Amino acid sequence: MSTAQRLFTRNGFERTTIDAISDMSGVTKMTIYSHFKSKEELFGATILSRVENEFLLTDEELDPNKPIYGLTIIAKQFISLIRKDEVLSAYRTMFASTSTHPEICNTFYQNGPMKVHREVSEYLKKCSGTKSLNINDFDLAATQFLSLFQGLNHTKCLLGLGKPSKKEDDDLILKNVEFFIKASC
């Protein structure tokens, strides 16, 4: 899985072959195909694995009675995830593949952005259930919250024009969580 992830990141979906993954990982093609039906399925699994490993929302950390703390944790993990070079590269690859591989773009969307969105939506639903936030449309609220972190600085990241400093990202997190909490009470 890690070899496939590295190759997809470095070469993109189109130029990564099962042969190359097999050679580089020391695993036979038969073994790869015994776990994944296709290169597309393997690609989807690499995206899902990255999100599951790097966007870990646990019930212990995310107390729905304390949304300022929960949303700060979510925001820190989200910023950390979307600022990673490998993730930025995956987005660039997907944008370049929209006309040639729409099915791969959909797999990426479902296993990456939509998985994150669903988890945030579930947390917001719990916050609403405890009345710590006043939210009626959890999906819209999750979209709005996550969108707060994808402004100009993130566009610069996607374009390879530099990344904000840790302090800039920390300030963004603090201000956006505060803004969202005020809008949701």
Protein backbone atom coordinates (compact mmCIF):
# COMPACT_ATOMS: atom_id res chain seq x y z
CA MET A 1 0.00 0.00 0.00
CA SER A 2 2.76 2.46 0.90
CA THR A 3 4.60 1.70 -2.33
CA ALA A 4 1.45 2.28 -4.35
CA GLN A 5 0.85 5.51 -2.47
CA ARG A 6 4.38 6.75 -3.21
CA LEU A 7 4.16 5.85 -6.89
CA PHE A 8 0.72 7.38 -7.38
CA THR A 9 1.97 10.55 -5.68
CA ARG A 10 5.16 10.73 -7.71
CA ASN A 11 3.91 9.55 -11.11
CA GLY A 12 0.18 10.15 -11.04
CA PHE A 13 -2.46 7.54 -11.73
CA GLU A 14 -1.86 7.24 -15.47
CA ARG A 15 1.89 6.57 -15.28
CA THR A 16 1.78 4.24 -12.31
CA THR A 17 1.54 0.59 -13.28
CA ILE A 18 0.81 -2.52 -11.27
CA ASP A 19 4.10 -3.88 -12.62
CA ALA A 20 5.99 -0.94 -11.11
CA ILE A 21 4.18 -1.33 -7.78
CA SER A 22 4.95 -5.05 -7.82
CA ASP A 23 8.63 -4.53 -8.66
CA MET A 24 9.19 -1.77 -6.14
CA SER A 25 7.34 -3.47 -3.27
CA GLY A 26 8.66 -6.98 -3.89
CA VAL A 27 5.09 -8.31 -3.98
CA THR A 28 3.84 -10.30 -6.94
CA LYS A 29 1.15 -8.92 -9.22
CA MET A 30 -0.96 -11.94 -8.27
CA THR A 31 -0.75 -10.93 -4.62
CA ILE A 32 -1.77 -7.35 -5.44
CA TYR A 33 -4.71 -8.58 -7.52
CA SER A 34 -5.76 -10.96 -4.75
CA HIS A 35 -6.39 -7.87 -2.58
CA PHE A 36 -7.51 -5.35 -5.21
CA LYS A 37 -9.53 -6.07 -8.35
CA SER A 38 -7.93 -3.25 -10.32
CA LYS A 39 -5.44 -0.42 -10.27
CA GLU A 40 -8.42 1.89 -9.71
CA GLU A 41 -9.44 -0.01 -6.59
CA LEU A 42 -5.86 0.06 -5.28
CA PHE A 43 -5.72 3.81 -5.91
CA GLY A 44 -8.97 4.29 -3.98
CA ALA A 45 -7.59 2.23 -1.10
CA THR A 46 -4.46 4.40 -0.92
CA ILE A 47 -6.59 7.54 -0.62
CA LEU A 48 -8.83 5.99 2.04
CA SER A 49 -5.78 4.76 3.96
CA ARG A 50 -4.21 8.22 3.98
CA VAL A 51 -7.41 9.83 5.29
CA GLU A 52 -7.90 7.13 7.94
CA ASN A 53 -4.28 7.46 9.10
CA GLU A 54 -4.02 11.25 9.06
CA PHE A 55 -7.52 12.44 9.88
CA LEU A 56 -8.22 10.59 13.11
CA LEU A 57 -11.29 11.82 14.93
CA THR A 58 -11.85 9.98 18.19
CA ASP A 59 -14.84 10.32 20.49
CA GLU A 60 -12.49 10.91 23.44
CA GLU A 61 -11.04 14.04 21.81
CA LEU A 62 -14.25 15.32 20.26
CA ASP A 63 -16.62 16.07 23.10
CA PRO A 64 -19.81 17.42 21.48
CA ASN A 65 -20.39 19.54 24.60
CA LYS A 66 -17.14 21.42 23.88
CA PRO A 67 -17.29 22.25 20.17
CA ILE A 68 -14.57 24.90 20.32
CA TYR A 69 -12.08 22.19 21.30
CA GLY A 70 -13.48 19.56 18.95
CA LEU A 71 -13.55 21.91 15.97
CA THR A 72 -10.01 23.06 16.74
CA ILE A 73 -8.81 19.45 16.68
CA ILE A 74 -10.68 18.83 13.42
CA ALA A 75 -9.26 22.00 11.88
CA LYS A 76 -5.67 21.17 12.90
CA GLN A 77 -5.93 17.68 11.43
CA PHE A 78 -7.62 18.97 8.29
CA ILE A 79 -5.01 21.68 7.70
CA SER A 80 -2.23 19.19 8.37
CA LEU A 81 -3.76 16.77 5.86
CA ILE A 82 -4.43 19.25 3.04
CA ARG A 83 -1.00 20.91 3.37
CA LYS A 84 0.95 17.66 2.90
CA ASP A 85 2.94 17.57 -0.33
CA GLU A 86 1.53 14.14 -1.16
CA VAL A 87 -2.05 15.35 -0.79
CA LEU A 88 -1.41 18.50 -2.81
CA SER A 89 0.13 16.33 -5.50
CA ALA A 90 -2.89 14.02 -5.48
CA TYR A 91 -5.22 16.99 -5.95
CA ARG A 92 -3.12 18.28 -8.84
CA THR A 93 -3.23 14.84 -10.43
CA MET A 94 -6.98 14.64 -10.02
CA PHE A 95 -7.53 18.09 -11.53
CA ALA A 96 -5.43 17.02 -14.52
CA SER A 97 -7.41 13.78 -14.85
CA THR A 98 -10.95 15.14 -14.89
CA SER A 99 -11.51 14.60 -18.62
CA THR A 100 -9.51 11.38 -19.04
CA HIS A 101 -10.31 9.51 -15.80
CA PRO A 102 -13.56 10.76 -14.27
CA GLU A 103 -14.00 7.43 -12.44
CA ILE A 104 -10.67 7.91 -10.65
CA CYS A 105 -11.66 11.46 -9.74
CA ASN A 106 -14.88 10.10 -8.26
CA THR A 107 -12.98 7.45 -6.30
CA PHE A 108 -10.63 10.13 -4.97
CA TYR A 109 -13.59 12.34 -4.08
CA GLN A 110 -15.48 9.57 -2.27
CA ASN A 111 -12.47 8.19 -0.34
CA GLY A 112 -10.87 11.54 0.43
CA PRO A 113 -12.90 14.75 0.63
CA MET A 114 -16.29 13.05 1.16
CA LYS A 115 -14.97 10.82 3.95
CA VAL A 116 -13.60 13.86 5.78
CA HIS A 117 -16.85 15.72 5.15
CA ARG A 118 -18.97 12.87 6.53
CA GLU A 119 -16.91 12.69 9.72
CA VAL A 120 -17.18 16.44 10.31
CA SER A 121 -20.91 16.32 9.57
CA GLU A 122 -21.35 13.52 12.14
CA TYR A 123 -19.50 15.52 14.78
CA LEU A 124 -21.64 18.59 14.09
CA LYS A 125 -24.75 16.42 14.37
CA LYS A 126 -23.58 15.30 17.82
CA CYS A 127 -22.93 18.93 18.83
CA SER A 128 -26.42 19.86 17.72
CA GLY A 129 -27.82 16.92 19.69
CA THR A 130 -26.24 18.25 22.88
CA LYS A 131 -27.42 21.78 21.98
CA SER A 132 -23.85 23.08 22.13
CA LEU A 133 -24.32 24.30 18.54
CA ASN A 134 -27.48 25.30 16.73
CA ILE A 135 -27.22 23.56 13.36
CA ASN A 136 -30.06 22.27 11.22
CA ASP A 137 -28.22 21.18 8.07
CA PHE A 138 -25.16 19.18 9.15
CA ASP A 139 -23.87 18.57 5.63
CA LEU A 140 -24.03 22.25 4.72
CA ALA A 141 -22.39 23.20 8.01
CA ALA A 142 -19.57 20.69 7.42
CA THR A 143 -19.04 22.11 3.93
CA GLN A 144 -18.97 25.64 5.32
CA PHE A 145 -16.56 24.75 8.11
CA LEU A 146 -14.09 22.90 5.88
CA SER A 147 -14.32 25.61 3.22
CA LEU A 148 -13.04 28.17 5.71
CA PHE A 149 -9.60 26.54 5.37
CA GLN A 150 -9.45 26.39 1.59
CA GLY A 151 -9.03 30.04 0.68
CA LEU A 152 -6.20 31.91 -1.02
CA ASN A 153 -3.40 30.35 1.05
CA HIS A 154 -4.56 26.89 0.07
CA THR A 155 -4.83 27.92 -3.58
CA LYS A 156 -1.19 29.05 -3.37
CA CYS A 157 -0.30 25.62 -1.96
CA LEU A 158 -2.08 23.84 -4.82
CA LEU A 159 -0.28 26.02 -7.35
CA GLY A 160 3.11 25.33 -5.75
CA LEU A 161 3.55 28.98 -4.76
CA GLY A 162 4.45 28.28 -1.15
CA LYS A 163 2.77 27.28 2.07
CA PRO A 164 1.71 29.41 5.02
CA SER A 165 3.82 29.22 8.15
CA LYS A 166 2.66 27.17 11.11
CA LYS A 167 1.80 30.41 12.89
CA GLU A 168 -0.30 31.59 9.95
CA ASP A 169 -2.17 28.27 9.89
CA ASP A 170 -2.61 28.33 13.68
CA ASP A 171 -4.03 31.87 13.47
CA LEU A 172 -6.34 30.78 10.65
CA ILE A 173 -7.59 27.85 12.73
CA LEU A 174 -8.23 30.03 15.77
CA LYS A 175 -10.09 32.71 13.81
CA ASN A 176 -12.13 30.29 11.71
CA VAL A 177 -13.22 28.14 14.64
CA GLU A 178 -14.23 31.27 16.54
CA PHE A 179 -16.13 32.56 13.48
CA PHE A 180 -17.92 29.25 12.97
CA ILE A 181 -18.86 28.90 16.65
CA LYS A 182 -20.34 32.43 16.69
CA ALA A 183 -22.34 31.68 13.55
CA SER A 184 -23.64 28.39 14.98
CA CYS A 185 -24.81 29.45 18.43
